[in-house]
C-alpha atoms as a PDB file:
ATOM      1  CA  MET A   1    -172.257-193.657 -38.976  1.00  0.00           C
ATOM      2  CA  LYS A   2    -172.958-191.446 -35.970  1.00  0.00           C
ATOM      3  CA  HIS A   3    -169.675-192.537 -34.356  1.00  0.00           C
ATOM      4  CA  LEU A   4    -167.724-191.617 -37.519  1.00  0.00           C
ATOM      5  CA  LEU A   5    -169.407-188.202 -37.663  1.00  0.00           C
ATOM      6  CA  LEU A   6    -168.462-187.555 -34.041  1.00  0.00           C
ATOM      7  CA  ARG A   7    -164.830-188.436 -34.760  1.00  0.00           C
ATOM      8  CA  LEU A   8    -164.775-186.161 -37.828  1.00  0.00           C
ATOM      9  CA  GLU A   9    -166.532-183.295 -36.043  1.00  0.00           C
ATOM     10  CA  PRO A  10    -163.382-181.101 -35.684  1.00  0.00           C
ATOM     11  CA  VAL A  11    -162.650-181.386 -39.416  1.00  0.00           C
ATOM     12  CA  ILE A  12    -166.278-180.692 -40.292  1.00  0.00           C
ATOM     13  CA  TRP A  13    -166.288-177.620 -38.027  1.00  0.00           C
ATOM     14  CA  LEU A  14    -163.075-176.396 -39.646  1.00  0.00           C
ATOM     15  CA  LEU A  15    -164.620-176.649 -43.122  1.00  0.00           C
ATOM     16  CA  PHE A  16    -167.857-175.116 -41.834  1.00  0.00           C
ATOM     17  CA  GLY A  17    -165.996-172.141 -40.352  1.00  0.00           C
ATOM     18  CA  ALA A  18    -164.015-171.663 -43.547  1.00  0.00           C
ATOM     19  CA  GLY A  19    -167.287-171.778 -45.500  1.00  0.00           C
ATOM     20  CA  ILE A  20    -168.711-169.039 -43.304  1.00  0.00           C
ATOM     21  CA  MET A  21    -165.597-166.927 -43.893  1.00  0.00           C
ATOM     22  CA  VAL A  22    -165.798-167.382 -47.653  1.00  0.00           C
ATOM     23  CA  GLY A  23    -169.533-166.789 -47.684  1.00  0.00           C
ATOM     24  CA  THR A  24    -169.282-163.555 -45.726  1.00  0.00           C
ATOM     25  CA  ILE A  25    -166.041-162.041 -47.014  1.00  0.00           C
ATOM     26  CA  LEU A  26    -165.087-163.258 -50.486  1.00  0.00           C
ATOM     27  CA  LEU A  27    -168.430-164.069 -52.106  1.00  0.00           C
ATOM     28  CA  PRO A  28    -170.113-160.677 -51.489  1.00  0.00           C
ATOM     29  CA  GLY A  29    -167.083-158.852 -52.880  1.00  0.00           C
ATOM     30  CA  TYR A  30    -167.146-161.007 -55.981  1.00  0.00           C
ATOM     31  CA  LEU A  31    -170.885-160.526 -56.423  1.00  0.00           C
ATOM     32  CA  LEU A  32    -170.662-156.760 -55.922  1.00  0.00           C
ATOM     33  CA  THR A  33    -167.800-156.456 -58.408  1.00  0.00           C
ATOM     34  CA  MET A  34    -169.303-158.657 -61.085  1.00  0.00           C
ATOM     35  CA  GLY A  35    -172.985-157.988 -60.402  1.00  0.00           C
ATOM     36  CA  LEU A  36    -172.934-154.227 -59.882  1.00  0.00           C
ATOM     37  CA  GLY A  37    -169.491-152.829 -60.634  1.00  0.00           C
ATOM     38  CA  VAL A  38    -169.239-154.097 -64.194  1.00  0.00           C
ATOM     39  CA  PRO A  39    -172.803-153.329 -65.370  1.00  0.00           C
ATOM     40  CA  LEU A  40    -172.790-149.853 -63.790  1.00  0.00           C
ATOM     41  CA  GLY A  41    -169.392-148.998 -65.261  1.00  0.00           C
ATOM     42  CA  ILE A  42    -167.689-148.571 -61.879  1.00  0.00           C
ATOM     43  CA  VAL A  43    -165.088-151.198 -62.782  1.00  0.00           C
ATOM     44  CA  PRO A  44    -163.121-150.139 -65.888  1.00  0.00           C
ATOM     45  CA  GLU A  45    -163.644-152.341 -68.924  1.00  0.00           C
ATOM     46  CA  GLN A  46    -159.930-153.119 -69.327  1.00  0.00           C
ATOM     47  CA  ALA A  47    -159.674-154.325 -65.701  1.00  0.00           C
ATOM     48  CA  LEU A  48    -161.403-157.600 -66.583  1.00  0.00           C
ATOM     49  CA  SER A  49    -160.076-157.996 -70.108  1.00  0.00           C
ATOM     50  CA  TYR A  50    -159.038-161.422 -71.306  1.00  0.00           C
ATOM     51  CA  GLU A  51    -155.413-160.413 -71.856  1.00  0.00           C
ATOM     52  CA  ARG A  52    -155.031-159.022 -68.336  1.00  0.00           C
ATOM     53  CA  LEU A  53    -156.661-161.986 -66.614  1.00  0.00           C
ATOM     54  CA  HIS A  54    -154.747-164.474 -68.771  1.00  0.00           C
ATOM     55  CA  GLY A  55    -151.498-162.728 -67.894  1.00  0.00           C
ATOM     56  CA  MET A  56    -152.268-162.941 -64.173  1.00  0.00           C
ATOM     57  CA  ILE A  57    -153.316-166.596 -64.321  1.00  0.00           C
ATOM     58  CA  ALA A  58    -150.368-167.574 -66.531  1.00  0.00           C
ATOM     59  CA  HIS A  59    -147.961-166.424 -63.825  1.00  0.00           C
ATOM     60  CA  PRO A  60    -147.230-169.311 -61.405  1.00  0.00           C
ATOM     61  CA  ILE A  61    -148.167-167.404 -58.253  1.00  0.00           C
ATOM     62  CA  GLY A  62    -151.197-165.739 -59.848  1.00  0.00           C
ATOM     63  CA  GLY A  63    -152.447-169.068 -61.166  1.00  0.00           C
ATOM     64  CA  LEU A  64    -152.051-170.666 -57.738  1.00  0.00           C
ATOM     65  CA  VAL A  65    -153.933-167.834 -56.033  1.00  0.00           C
ATOM     66  CA  PHE A  66    -156.690-167.869 -58.670  1.00  0.00           C
ATOM     67  CA  ARG A  67    -157.147-171.637 -58.404  1.00  0.00           C
ATOM     68  CA  GLY A  68    -157.178-171.486 -54.602  1.00  0.00           C
ATOM     69  CA  VAL A  69    -159.800-168.751 -54.506  1.00  0.00           C
ATOM     70  CA  ALA A  70    -161.901-170.508 -57.155  1.00  0.00           C
ATOM     71  CA  LEU A  71    -161.776-173.747 -55.198  1.00  0.00           C
ATOM     72  CA  ALA A  72    -162.675-171.936 -51.966  1.00  0.00           C
ATOM     73  CA  LEU A  73    -165.668-170.270 -53.645  1.00  0.00           C
ATOM     74  CA  ILE A  74    -166.878-173.670 -54.886  1.00  0.00           C
ATOM     75  CA  ALA A  75    -166.147-176.172 -52.128  1.00  0.00           C
ATOM     76  CA  LEU A  76    -166.358-174.367 -48.792  1.00  0.00           C
ATOM     77  CA  PRO A  77    -169.955-173.079 -49.100  1.00  0.00           C
ATOM     78  CA  LEU A  78    -170.990-176.709 -49.740  1.00  0.00           C
ATOM     79  CA  TRP A  79    -169.656-177.685 -46.304  1.00  0.00           C
ATOM     80  CA  LYS A  80    -171.355-174.709 -44.690  1.00  0.00           C
ATOM     81  CA  GLY A  81    -174.662-175.639 -46.292  1.00  0.00           C
ATOM     82  CA  ALA A  82    -174.319-179.312 -45.364  1.00  0.00           C
ATOM     83  CA  HIS A  83    -173.671-178.456 -41.728  1.00  0.00           C
ATOM     84  CA  HIS A  84    -176.584-175.991 -41.596  1.00  0.00           C
ATOM     85  CA  LEU A  85    -178.954-178.542 -43.129  1.00  0.00           C
ATOM     86  CA  ARG A  86    -177.796-181.191 -40.649  1.00  0.00           C
ATOM     87  CA  ALA A  87    -178.439-178.809 -37.747  1.00  0.00           C
ATOM     88  CA  LEU A  88    -181.851-177.953 -39.216  1.00  0.00           C
ATOM     89  CA  SER A  89    -182.705-181.639 -39.412  1.00  0.00           C
ATOM     90  CA  VAL A  90    -181.765-182.111 -35.758  1.00  0.00           C
ATOM     91  CA  ASP A  91    -183.838-179.042 -34.796  1.00  0.00           C
ATOM     92  CA  PHE A  92    -186.899-180.662 -36.398  1.00  0.00           C
ATOM     93  CA  ASP A  93    -186.619-183.669 -34.040  1.00  0.00           C
ATOM     94  CA  GLY A  94    -184.260-185.580 -36.292  1.00  0.00           C
ATOM     95  CA  HIS A  95    -182.040-186.905 -33.512  1.00  0.00           C
ATOM     96  CA  ASP A  96    -182.771-190.493 -34.455  1.00  0.00           C
ATOM     97  CA  ARG A  97    -181.831-189.984 -38.117  1.00  0.00           C
ATOM     98  CA  ASP A  98    -178.918-187.601 -37.527  1.00  0.00           C
ATOM     99  CA  GLY A  99    -176.309-190.184 -38.539  1.00  0.00           C
ATOM    100  CA  LEU A 100    -178.015-190.930 -41.846  1.00  0.00           C
ATOM    101  CA  VAL A 101    -178.838-187.315 -42.719  1.00  0.00           C
ATOM    102  CA  GLY A 102    -175.387-186.079 -41.698  1.00  0.00           C
ATOM    103  CA  GLY A 103    -173.694-188.855 -43.652  1.00  0.00           C
ATOM    104  CA  VAL A 104    -175.669-188.119 -46.816  1.00  0.00           C
ATOM    105  CA  LEU A 105    -175.162-184.355 -46.576  1.00  0.00           C
ATOM    106  CA  TYR A 106    -171.436-184.634 -45.940  1.00  0.00           C
ATOM    107  CA  LEU A 107    -171.066-187.150 -48.785  1.00  0.00           C
ATOM    108  CA  ILE A 108    -172.751-184.619 -51.082  1.00  0.00           C
ATOM    109  CA  ALA A 109    -170.293-181.970 -49.842  1.00  0.00           C
ATOM    110  CA  VAL A 110    -167.366-184.345 -50.473  1.00  0.00           C
ATOM    111  CA  ALA A 111    -168.634-185.138 -53.984  1.00  0.00           C
ATOM    112  CA  GLY A 112    -169.116-181.432 -54.754  1.00  0.00           C
ATOM    113  CA  SER A 113    -165.654-180.626 -53.406  1.00  0.00           C
ATOM    114  CA  VAL A 114    -164.051-183.350 -55.529  1.00  0.00           C
ATOM    115  CA  LEU A 115    -165.906-182.130 -58.610  1.00  0.00           C
ATOM    116  CA  GLY A 116    -164.799-178.578 -57.774  1.00  0.00           C
ATOM    117  CA  ILE A 117    -161.179-179.714 -57.448  1.00  0.00           C
ATOM    118  CA  LEU A 118    -161.368-181.459 -60.811  1.00  0.00           C
ATOM    119  CA  ALA A 119    -162.953-178.408 -62.432  1.00  0.00           C
ATOM    120  CA  VAL A 120    -160.290-176.064 -61.012  1.00  0.00           C
ATOM    121  CA  ILE A 121    -157.466-178.388 -62.084  1.00  0.00           C
ATOM    122  CA  ARG A 122    -158.824-178.395 -65.646  1.00  0.00           C
ATOM    123  CA  LEU A 123    -158.686-174.563 -65.807  1.00  0.00           C
END
């Protein structure tokens, strides 16, 4: 398992880096808009109306962008978390179980990503 993880390391780092980007750029903007902007009345009520959002998602390009962003917000933080937990395990003298822990964590990230893909496709 350790050999497979070493061969997949560039792909894992790519997903980890993308997860960091999503976690630091897109997710805070979404949380600020939905968590503070809407309740405080900063975002106009009609900006998030069903008709407006349905019109944007019904358009082919808008639907593609929406599904891509939704998938990025679901799947990429899973890879970031899996990689951080693997590094934490190694930091706590887990060198001997790194292959097992890494394999389990990355399988959880794969399963979550597949479930995220299926959920976004069903939208």
